[in-house]
Amino acid sequence: MDNFLTATFEHRNNPTGAADTSSVASGIACTPLDPASKTPSQDYPIEKLFLLKECFTRYAAVRSGDFVVSGGKTYAVRAAWPWAAQGAMDAYYHLILEETLGS
């Protein structure tokens, strides 16, 4: 699966609760951000589904509520969980992201 990690992102978070976020790490390898194949919750507004993206990475520090910056756009992390590629020995993490409008 490492062959598919062709994009990168910057991990940002907001540890103090202030309006600005701070960079945690950058240049993190991931798969390209694609439209999400499923929603983490059935109550997600259907008119906003186009904002949801997903990607896979080996980077384990991203948590729900953090932010990812890729391709000049900022995404809020809505869900992050471990995902084992079939037949692979390595662990990956599946991220569900929501594009923040105006980013």
N, C-alpha and C. Protein backbone atom coordinates (compact mmCIF):
# COMPACT_ATOMS: atom_id res chain seq x y z
N MET A 1 0.82 -1.20 0.00
CA MET A 1 0.00 0.00 0.00
C MET A 1 0.86 1.25 0.00
N ASP A 2 2.10 1.15 0.43
CA ASP A 2 2.96 2.33 0.47
C ASP A 2 3.10 2.99 -0.90
N ASN A 3 2.95 2.21 -1.97
CA ASN A 3 3.05 2.77 -3.32
C ASN A 3 1.95 3.79 -3.59
N PHE A 4 0.86 3.74 -2.83
CA PHE A 4 -0.27 4.64 -3.04
C PHE A 4 -0.16 5.92 -2.19
N LEU A 5 0.85 6.00 -1.34
CA LEU A 5 1.03 7.18 -0.50
C LEU A 5 1.75 8.26 -1.30
N THR A 6 1.05 8.84 -2.27
CA THR A 6 1.67 9.77 -3.23
C THR A 6 1.39 11.24 -2.93
N ALA A 7 0.57 11.53 -1.94
CA ALA A 7 0.25 12.90 -1.56
C ALA A 7 0.86 13.18 -0.18
N THR A 8 0.82 14.42 0.23
CA THR A 8 1.30 14.77 1.57
C THR A 8 0.31 15.74 2.23
N PHE A 9 0.40 15.81 3.55
CA PHE A 9 -0.41 16.79 4.28
C PHE A 9 0.37 17.32 5.47
N GLU A 10 -0.14 18.42 6.00
CA GLU A 10 0.38 19.00 7.23
C GLU A 10 -0.65 18.74 8.32
N HIS A 11 -0.20 18.29 9.47
CA HIS A 11 -1.08 18.04 10.62
C HIS A 11 -1.06 19.29 11.49
N ARG A 12 -2.25 19.82 11.76
CA ARG A 12 -2.38 21.00 12.62
C ARG A 12 -3.39 20.69 13.71
N ASN A 13 -3.21 21.31 14.87
CA ASN A 13 -4.22 21.16 15.92
C ASN A 13 -4.35 22.45 16.69
N ASN A 14 -5.24 22.44 17.64
CA ASN A 14 -5.58 23.62 18.42
C ASN A 14 -5.54 23.23 19.90
N PRO A 15 -4.34 23.06 20.46
CA PRO A 15 -4.26 22.55 21.83
C PRO A 15 -4.74 23.53 22.89
N THR A 16 -4.75 24.82 22.60
CA THR A 16 -5.10 25.82 23.63
C THR A 16 -6.54 26.30 23.53
N GLY A 17 -7.23 25.94 22.44
CA GLY A 17 -8.59 26.41 22.26
C GLY A 17 -8.67 27.78 21.62
N ALA A 18 -7.53 28.37 21.29
CA ALA A 18 -7.50 29.66 20.61
C ALA A 18 -7.96 29.49 19.17
N ALA A 19 -8.20 30.59 18.50
CA ALA A 19 -8.72 30.53 17.13
C ALA A 19 -7.70 29.95 16.16
N ASP A 20 -6.42 30.24 16.36
CA ASP A 20 -5.39 29.77 15.43
C ASP A 20 -4.97 28.35 15.76
N THR A 21 -4.58 27.63 14.72
CA THR A 21 -4.06 26.29 14.90
C THR A 21 -2.54 26.33 14.80
N SER A 22 -1.89 25.32 15.32
CA SER A 22 -0.44 25.25 15.24
C SER A 22 -0.04 23.97 14.51
N SER A 23 1.08 24.06 13.82
CA SER A 23 1.57 22.93 13.05
C SER A 23 2.19 21.89 13.98
N VAL A 24 1.82 20.65 13.78
CA VAL A 24 2.37 19.54 14.56
C VAL A 24 3.45 18.84 13.74
N ALA A 25 3.15 18.58 12.47
CA ALA A 25 4.09 17.91 11.56
C ALA A 25 3.69 18.22 10.14
N SER A 26 4.65 18.18 9.22
CA SER A 26 4.35 18.44 7.81
C SER A 26 5.06 17.41 6.95
N GLY A 27 4.67 17.36 5.67
CA GLY A 27 5.26 16.40 4.74
C GLY A 27 4.86 14.97 5.04
N ILE A 28 3.70 14.77 5.62
CA ILE A 28 3.24 13.43 6.00
C ILE A 28 2.66 12.74 4.76
N ALA A 29 3.16 11.56 4.46
CA ALA A 29 2.71 10.82 3.28
C ALA A 29 1.31 10.27 3.50
N CYS A 30 0.48 10.38 2.45
CA CYS A 30 -0.88 9.84 2.50
C CYS A 30 -1.32 9.50 1.08
N THR A 31 -2.44 8.82 0.99
CA THR A 31 -3.05 8.61 -0.32
C THR A 31 -3.70 9.92 -0.75
N PRO A 32 -3.95 10.10 -2.04
CA PRO A 32 -4.67 11.32 -2.46
C PRO A 32 -6.01 11.43 -1.74
N LEU A 33 -6.43 12.65 -1.45
CA LEU A 33 -7.71 12.87 -0.80
C LEU A 33 -8.82 12.69 -1.83
N ASP A 34 -9.64 11.69 -1.61
CA ASP A 34 -10.73 11.35 -2.52
C ASP A 34 -12.06 11.56 -1.83
N PRO A 35 -13.15 11.69 -2.61
CA PRO A 35 -14.47 11.77 -1.98
C PRO A 35 -14.69 10.56 -1.08
N ALA A 36 -15.26 10.80 0.09
CA ALA A 36 -15.48 9.72 1.06
C ALA A 36 -16.47 8.70 0.51
N SER A 37 -16.16 7.44 0.71
CA SER A 37 -17.02 6.38 0.21
C SER A 37 -18.17 6.09 1.16
N LYS A 38 -18.07 6.55 2.40
CA LYS A 38 -19.15 6.38 3.37
C LYS A 38 -19.06 7.49 4.39
N THR A 39 -20.13 7.73 5.08
CA THR A 39 -20.12 8.78 6.09
C THR A 39 -19.98 8.14 7.46
N PRO A 40 -19.30 8.81 8.38
CA PRO A 40 -19.15 8.26 9.72
C PRO A 40 -20.44 8.28 10.53
N SER A 41 -21.43 9.02 10.07
CA SER A 41 -22.69 9.13 10.80
C SER A 41 -23.84 9.30 9.81
N GLN A 42 -24.94 8.63 10.08
CA GLN A 42 -26.10 8.73 9.21
C GLN A 42 -26.77 10.10 9.29
N ASP A 43 -26.48 10.87 10.33
CA ASP A 43 -27.14 12.16 10.47
C ASP A 43 -26.34 13.30 9.84
N TYR A 44 -25.32 12.98 9.06
CA TYR A 44 -24.54 14.02 8.39
C TYR A 44 -25.42 14.65 7.31
N PRO A 45 -25.48 15.99 7.24
CA PRO A 45 -26.38 16.65 6.27
C PRO A 45 -26.04 16.28 4.82
N ILE A 46 -27.01 15.78 4.11
CA ILE A 46 -26.79 15.32 2.74
C ILE A 46 -26.29 16.45 1.83
N GLU A 47 -26.70 17.69 2.11
CA GLU A 47 -26.27 18.81 1.26
C GLU A 47 -24.79 19.15 1.45
N LYS A 48 -24.14 18.54 2.45
CA LYS A 48 -22.72 18.80 2.69
C LYS A 48 -21.84 17.59 2.37
N LEU A 49 -22.40 16.54 1.83
CA LEU A 49 -21.61 15.33 1.56
C LEU A 49 -20.43 15.59 0.63
N PHE A 50 -20.56 16.57 -0.27
CA PHE A 50 -19.48 16.86 -1.20
C PHE A 50 -18.23 17.38 -0.48
N LEU A 51 -18.36 17.82 0.75
CA LEU A 51 -17.22 18.31 1.52
C LEU A 51 -16.39 17.19 2.13
N LEU A 52 -16.93 15.98 2.22
CA LEU A 52 -16.23 14.88 2.87
C LEU A 52 -15.21 14.23 1.95
N LYS A 53 -14.01 14.06 2.46
CA LYS A 53 -12.92 13.39 1.76
C LYS A 53 -12.38 12.30 2.67
N GLU A 54 -11.61 11.39 2.08
CA GLU A 54 -10.96 10.37 2.90
C GLU A 54 -9.56 10.13 2.36
N CYS A 55 -8.68 9.65 3.24
CA CYS A 55 -7.34 9.26 2.83
C CYS A 55 -6.82 8.23 3.83
N PHE A 56 -5.71 7.61 3.47
CA PHE A 56 -5.05 6.64 4.32
C PHE A 56 -3.61 7.10 4.54
N THR A 57 -3.09 6.85 5.72
CA THR A 57 -1.72 7.25 6.05
C THR A 57 -1.16 6.28 7.08
N ARG A 58 0.15 6.29 7.25
CA ARG A 58 0.79 5.51 8.31
C ARG A 58 0.96 6.35 9.57
N TYR A 59 0.74 7.64 9.45
CA TYR A 59 0.93 8.59 10.55
C TYR A 59 -0.19 8.39 11.57
N ALA A 60 0.17 8.14 12.82
CA ALA A 60 -0.81 7.73 13.82
C ALA A 60 -1.28 8.84 14.76
N ALA A 61 -0.72 10.04 14.66
CA ALA A 61 -1.00 11.07 15.66
C ALA A 61 -2.25 11.90 15.40
N VAL A 62 -2.88 11.76 14.24
CA VAL A 62 -4.07 12.57 13.92
C VAL A 62 -5.27 12.07 14.73
N ARG A 63 -5.99 13.01 15.30
CA ARG A 63 -7.19 12.69 16.08
C ARG A 63 -8.37 13.48 15.57
N SER A 64 -9.56 12.99 15.84
CA SER A 64 -10.77 13.73 15.51
C SER A 64 -10.70 15.09 16.20
N GLY A 65 -11.01 16.15 15.43
CA GLY A 65 -10.92 17.51 15.95
C GLY A 65 -9.66 18.24 15.51
N ASP A 66 -8.67 17.49 15.01
CA ASP A 66 -7.46 18.12 14.46
C ASP A 66 -7.75 18.62 13.05
N PHE A 67 -6.73 19.17 12.40
CA PHE A 67 -6.87 19.68 11.04
C PHE A 67 -5.75 19.13 10.17
N VAL A 68 -6.07 18.97 8.89
CA VAL A 68 -5.13 18.51 7.88
C VAL A 68 -5.13 19.57 6.78
N VAL A 69 -3.95 19.96 6.32
CA VAL A 69 -3.82 20.90 5.21
C VAL A 69 -3.15 20.17 4.06
N SER A 70 -3.82 20.14 2.92
CA SER A 70 -3.28 19.47 1.74
C SER A 70 -3.76 20.20 0.50
N GLY A 71 -2.84 20.43 -0.43
CA GLY A 71 -3.21 21.12 -1.66
C GLY A 71 -3.75 22.51 -1.44
N GLY A 72 -3.30 23.17 -0.38
CA GLY A 72 -3.75 24.53 -0.10
C GLY A 72 -5.12 24.62 0.54
N LYS A 73 -5.72 23.49 0.88
CA LYS A 73 -7.04 23.49 1.52
C LYS A 73 -6.93 22.90 2.92
N THR A 74 -7.77 23.41 3.81
CA THR A 74 -7.80 22.93 5.18
C THR A 74 -9.00 22.03 5.38
N TYR A 75 -8.77 20.92 6.05
CA TYR A 75 -9.82 19.94 6.32
C TYR A 75 -9.87 19.65 7.82
N ALA A 76 -11.07 19.61 8.37
CA ALA A 76 -11.25 19.19 9.76
C ALA A 76 -11.30 17.67 9.79
N VAL A 77 -10.60 17.07 10.73
CA VAL A 77 -10.62 15.62 10.87
C VAL A 77 -11.89 15.24 11.62
N ARG A 78 -12.78 14.52 10.95
CA ARG A 78 -14.05 14.10 11.57
C ARG A 78 -13.96 12.72 12.18
N ALA A 79 -13.07 11.87 11.65
CA ALA A 79 -12.88 10.52 12.21
C ALA A 79 -11.50 10.03 11.80
N ALA A 80 -10.87 9.26 12.68
CA ALA A 80 -9.57 8.65 12.40
C ALA A 80 -9.52 7.32 13.14
N TRP A 81 -9.23 6.26 12.41
CA TRP A 81 -9.15 4.95 13.06
C TRP A 81 -8.16 4.05 12.33
N PRO A 82 -7.61 3.07 13.08
CA PRO A 82 -6.66 2.13 12.47
C PRO A 82 -7.35 1.30 11.39
N TRP A 83 -6.59 0.99 10.35
CA TRP A 83 -7.11 0.18 9.25
C TRP A 83 -5.99 -0.73 8.77
N ALA A 84 -6.25 -2.01 8.73
CA ALA A 84 -5.24 -2.97 8.28
C ALA A 84 -5.53 -3.36 6.84
N ALA A 85 -4.58 -3.09 5.97
CA ALA A 85 -4.73 -3.49 4.56
C ALA A 85 -4.74 -5.01 4.51
N GLN A 86 -5.59 -5.55 3.68
CA GLN A 86 -5.72 -6.99 3.58
C GLN A 86 -4.38 -7.62 3.19
N GLY A 87 -3.92 -8.54 4.01
CA GLY A 87 -2.68 -9.24 3.75
C GLY A 87 -1.44 -8.45 4.10
N ALA A 88 -1.59 -7.24 4.62
CA ALA A 88 -0.43 -6.41 4.93
C ALA A 88 -0.06 -6.57 6.40
N MET A 89 1.20 -6.42 6.67
CA MET A 89 1.69 -6.49 8.05
C MET A 89 1.67 -5.12 8.71
N ASP A 90 1.57 -4.07 7.91
CA ASP A 90 1.69 -2.71 8.44
C ASP A 90 0.32 -2.12 8.75
N ALA A 91 0.29 -1.27 9.75
CA ALA A 91 -0.95 -0.58 10.12
C ALA A 91 -1.05 0.75 9.38
N TYR A 92 -2.23 1.07 8.96
CA TYR A 92 -2.53 2.35 8.33
C TYR A 92 -3.67 2.98 9.10
N TYR A 93 -3.89 4.27 8.86
CA TYR A 93 -4.97 4.98 9.51
C TYR A 93 -5.88 5.59 8.45
N HIS A 94 -7.17 5.40 8.63
CA HIS A 94 -8.19 5.88 7.71
C HIS A 94 -8.73 7.18 8.29
N LEU A 95 -8.62 8.25 7.52
CA LEU A 95 -9.10 9.55 7.97
C LEU A 95 -10.32 9.98 7.16
N ILE A 96 -11.35 10.44 7.84
CA ILE A 96 -12.49 11.09 7.20
C ILE A 96 -12.35 12.58 7.49
N LEU A 97 -12.31 13.37 6.43
CA LEU A 97 -12.04 14.80 6.51
C LEU A 97 -13.19 15.60 5.95
N GLU A 98 -13.40 16.78 6.51
CA GLU A 98 -14.40 17.71 5.98
C GLU A 98 -13.71 19.00 5.58
N GLU A 99 -13.85 19.36 4.31
CA GLU A 99 -13.25 20.61 3.84
C GLU A 99 -13.87 21.79 4.55
N THR A 100 -13.03 22.67 5.06
CA THR A 100 -13.55 23.87 5.71
C THR A 100 -13.74 24.92 4.65
N LEU A 101 -14.93 25.44 4.51
CA LEU A 101 -15.23 26.42 3.49
C LEU A 101 -14.46 27.70 3.75
N GLY A 102 -13.97 28.29 2.67
CA GLY A 102 -13.19 29.50 2.80
C GLY A 102 -11.72 29.24 2.99
N SER A 103 -11.32 27.96 2.94
CA SER A 103 -9.90 27.65 3.14
C SER A 103 -9.13 27.75 1.85
